Amino acid sequence: MKLLTSTIKYLIISTILISCNGGIKNGTELSQTDLKYLEKIGLKSEDEKIILFDSQMDNQTSGNLITDKRLASYWIDKDKNINMVNFAYYNEIDTLLTEDLSKSLTYASYIKVVKNDKSEFRVHVDDNEKNTTDFFKTAITEWKKWKK
């Protein structure tokens, strides 16, 4: 019985740790493999610096990022052959709308990016309230550097 209880505790703790994505990462925390992958899918150029990055899955499947040149989001599902890669350079962005859902257990917060051509996409972030707010502020600050 003691072994069964220990096993159940281990499984619960493992499940919780696996389901946590580690939160927002500074661009310098990404591996060379991650950086090369972002280049491969067209979301990073050689001279582009990633400022912040967040993923709700593994970095090969999904990611949301702020660079010094653009905001971007991607979802790659190789099993279902689904590729959604969205980005906007700062000079292409008309409006940024933030939605903080950090207190929600089931939804990720996001920035709704509305481009000058009125197309839009979302950059998701799943972290605590302070880190989510910092992510939003960083995106807005970078965008305002380019806004005329």
Protein backbone atom coordinates (compact mmCIF):
# COMPACT_ATOMS: atom_id res chain seq x y z
CA MET A 1 0.00 0.00 0.00
CA LYS A 2 2.84 2.37 0.85
CA LEU A 3 4.43 1.72 -2.56
CA LEU A 4 1.13 2.44 -4.30
CA THR A 5 0.72 5.74 -2.41
CA SER A 6 4.28 6.78 -3.28
CA THR A 7 3.73 5.86 -6.92
CA ILE A 8 0.52 7.90 -7.09
CA LYS A 9 2.23 10.92 -5.49
CA TYR A 10 5.10 10.59 -7.98
CA LEU A 11 2.69 10.42 -10.93
CA ILE A 12 0.76 13.48 -9.75
CA ILE A 13 3.91 15.54 -9.23
CA SER A 14 5.34 14.40 -12.59
CA THR A 15 2.13 15.32 -14.39
CA ILE A 16 2.12 18.79 -12.85
CA LEU A 17 5.77 19.39 -13.73
CA ILE A 18 5.36 18.13 -17.30
CA SER A 19 2.28 20.28 -17.89
CA CYS A 20 4.12 23.44 -16.84
CA ASN A 21 5.92 25.05 -19.74
CA GLY A 22 8.43 26.97 -17.67
CA GLY A 23 6.93 30.35 -18.50
CA ILE A 24 8.29 33.22 -20.52
CA LYS A 25 11.94 32.94 -21.49
CA ASN A 26 14.43 35.61 -22.33
CA GLY A 27 15.68 35.18 -25.90
CA THR A 28 19.16 34.38 -24.58
CA GLU A 29 17.71 31.26 -22.88
CA LEU A 30 16.81 29.63 -26.20
CA SER A 31 19.12 26.91 -27.46
CA GLN A 32 20.97 27.09 -30.77
CA THR A 33 18.61 24.36 -31.99
CA ASP A 34 15.61 26.56 -31.13
CA LEU A 35 17.15 29.57 -32.87
CA LYS A 36 17.93 27.58 -36.01
CA TYR A 37 14.38 26.21 -36.01
CA LEU A 38 12.94 29.75 -35.80
CA GLU A 39 15.14 30.73 -38.76
CA LYS A 40 13.97 27.65 -40.69
CA ILE A 41 10.28 28.56 -40.27
CA GLY A 42 10.95 32.19 -41.18
CA LEU A 43 10.56 33.87 -37.80
CA LYS A 44 14.12 34.98 -37.21
CA SER A 45 16.68 36.53 -39.51
CA GLU A 46 20.42 36.41 -38.88
CA ASP A 47 20.51 39.97 -37.55
CA GLU A 48 17.28 39.70 -35.53
CA LYS A 49 17.34 39.48 -31.73
CA ILE A 50 14.68 37.52 -29.86
CA ILE A 51 13.71 39.46 -26.75
CA LEU A 52 11.06 37.22 -25.16
CA PHE A 53 9.68 33.79 -26.03
CA ASP A 54 6.83 31.65 -24.68
CA SER A 55 5.51 28.25 -25.69
CA GLN A 56 2.50 26.34 -24.45
CA MET A 57 3.98 23.09 -25.84
CA ASP A 58 7.48 22.16 -26.93
CA ASN A 59 9.35 24.78 -28.97
CA GLN A 60 9.07 22.71 -32.17
CA THR A 61 5.26 22.76 -31.93
CA SER A 62 4.36 26.24 -30.74
CA GLY A 63 5.87 29.54 -29.87
CA ASN A 64 5.08 33.20 -29.38
CA LEU A 65 7.82 35.75 -29.56
CA ILE A 66 8.86 39.35 -29.40
CA THR A 67 11.93 40.30 -31.41
CA ASP A 68 13.56 43.64 -32.04
CA LYS A 69 11.77 43.69 -35.44
CA ARG A 70 8.42 41.89 -35.08
CA LEU A 71 5.81 39.99 -33.11
CA ALA A 72 5.22 36.38 -34.11
CA SER A 73 3.27 33.25 -33.29
CA TYR A 74 3.39 29.72 -34.68
CA TRP A 75 1.72 26.32 -34.31
CA ILE A 76 3.25 23.37 -36.16
CA ASP A 77 1.43 20.03 -35.89
CA LYS A 78 3.40 17.58 -37.99
CA ASP A 79 0.97 14.72 -37.30
CA LYS A 80 -2.01 16.65 -38.68
CA ASN A 81 0.02 18.58 -41.26
CA ILE A 82 -1.09 21.92 -39.81
CA ASN A 83 1.27 24.89 -40.05
CA MET A 84 0.21 28.29 -38.79
CA VAL A 85 2.97 30.86 -38.83
CA ASN A 86 1.97 34.47 -38.22
CA PHE A 87 4.07 37.57 -37.81
CA ALA A 88 4.03 41.30 -38.31
CA TYR A 89 6.95 43.67 -38.48
CA TYR A 90 6.38 46.63 -36.19
CA ASN A 91 5.86 49.06 -39.07
CA GLU A 92 3.03 46.81 -40.34
CA ILE A 93 1.11 46.93 -37.05
CA ASP A 94 -1.83 49.29 -36.63
CA THR A 95 -3.05 48.24 -33.16
CA LEU A 96 -2.09 45.99 -30.26
CA LEU A 97 -4.85 44.86 -27.90
CA THR A 98 -3.95 42.92 -24.76
CA GLU A 99 -6.09 40.42 -22.89
CA ASP A 100 -4.74 39.27 -19.52
CA LEU A 101 -6.18 35.87 -18.63
CA SER A 102 -3.32 34.93 -16.30
CA LYS A 103 -5.77 34.13 -13.48
CA SER A 104 -7.68 31.70 -15.70
CA LEU A 105 -6.86 28.03 -15.34
CA THR A 106 -7.79 27.15 -18.91
CA TYR A 107 -6.97 30.10 -21.17
CA ALA A 108 -3.72 31.81 -22.10
CA SER A 109 -3.38 35.59 -22.19
CA TYR A 110 -2.75 37.16 -25.57
CA ILE A 111 -1.92 40.21 -27.63
CA LYS A 112 -4.24 40.70 -30.57
CA VAL A 113 -2.09 42.08 -33.37
CA VAL A 114 -4.07 44.11 -35.92
CA LYS A 115 -2.04 44.87 -39.02
CA ASN A 116 -2.39 47.93 -41.26
CA ASP A 117 -4.25 45.77 -43.81
CA LYS A 118 -6.74 44.86 -41.00
CA SER A 119 -5.65 41.20 -40.87
CA GLU A 120 -4.99 39.98 -37.37
CA PHE A 121 -3.52 37.20 -35.26
CA ARG A 122 -2.79 36.52 -31.61
CA VAL A 123 0.47 36.19 -29.73
CA HIS A 124 -0.26 34.01 -26.69
CA VAL A 125 1.52 34.06 -23.37
CA ASP A 126 0.90 31.75 -20.42
CA ASP A 127 2.53 32.92 -17.21
CA ASN A 128 1.71 34.67 -13.96
CA GLU A 129 0.16 38.16 -13.91
CA LYS A 130 3.43 40.07 -13.41
CA ASN A 131 5.32 38.24 -16.17
CA THR A 132 2.35 38.52 -18.52
CA THR A 133 2.14 42.27 -17.90
CA ASP A 134 5.89 42.58 -18.53
CA PHE A 135 5.50 40.62 -21.79
CA PHE A 136 2.72 43.00 -22.90
CA LYS A 137 4.73 46.09 -21.93
CA THR A 138 7.79 44.84 -23.81
CA ALA A 139 5.76 44.20 -26.97
CA ILE A 140 4.16 47.64 -26.80
CA THR A 141 7.49 49.36 -26.11
CA GLU A 142 9.16 47.64 -29.08
CA TRP A 143 6.21 48.51 -31.35
CA LYS A 144 6.23 52.17 -30.27
CA LYS A 145 9.93 52.44 -31.21
CA TRP A 146 8.85 51.83 -34.82
CA LYS A 147 5.57 53.74 -34.79
CA LYS A 148 5.83 57.13 -36.43
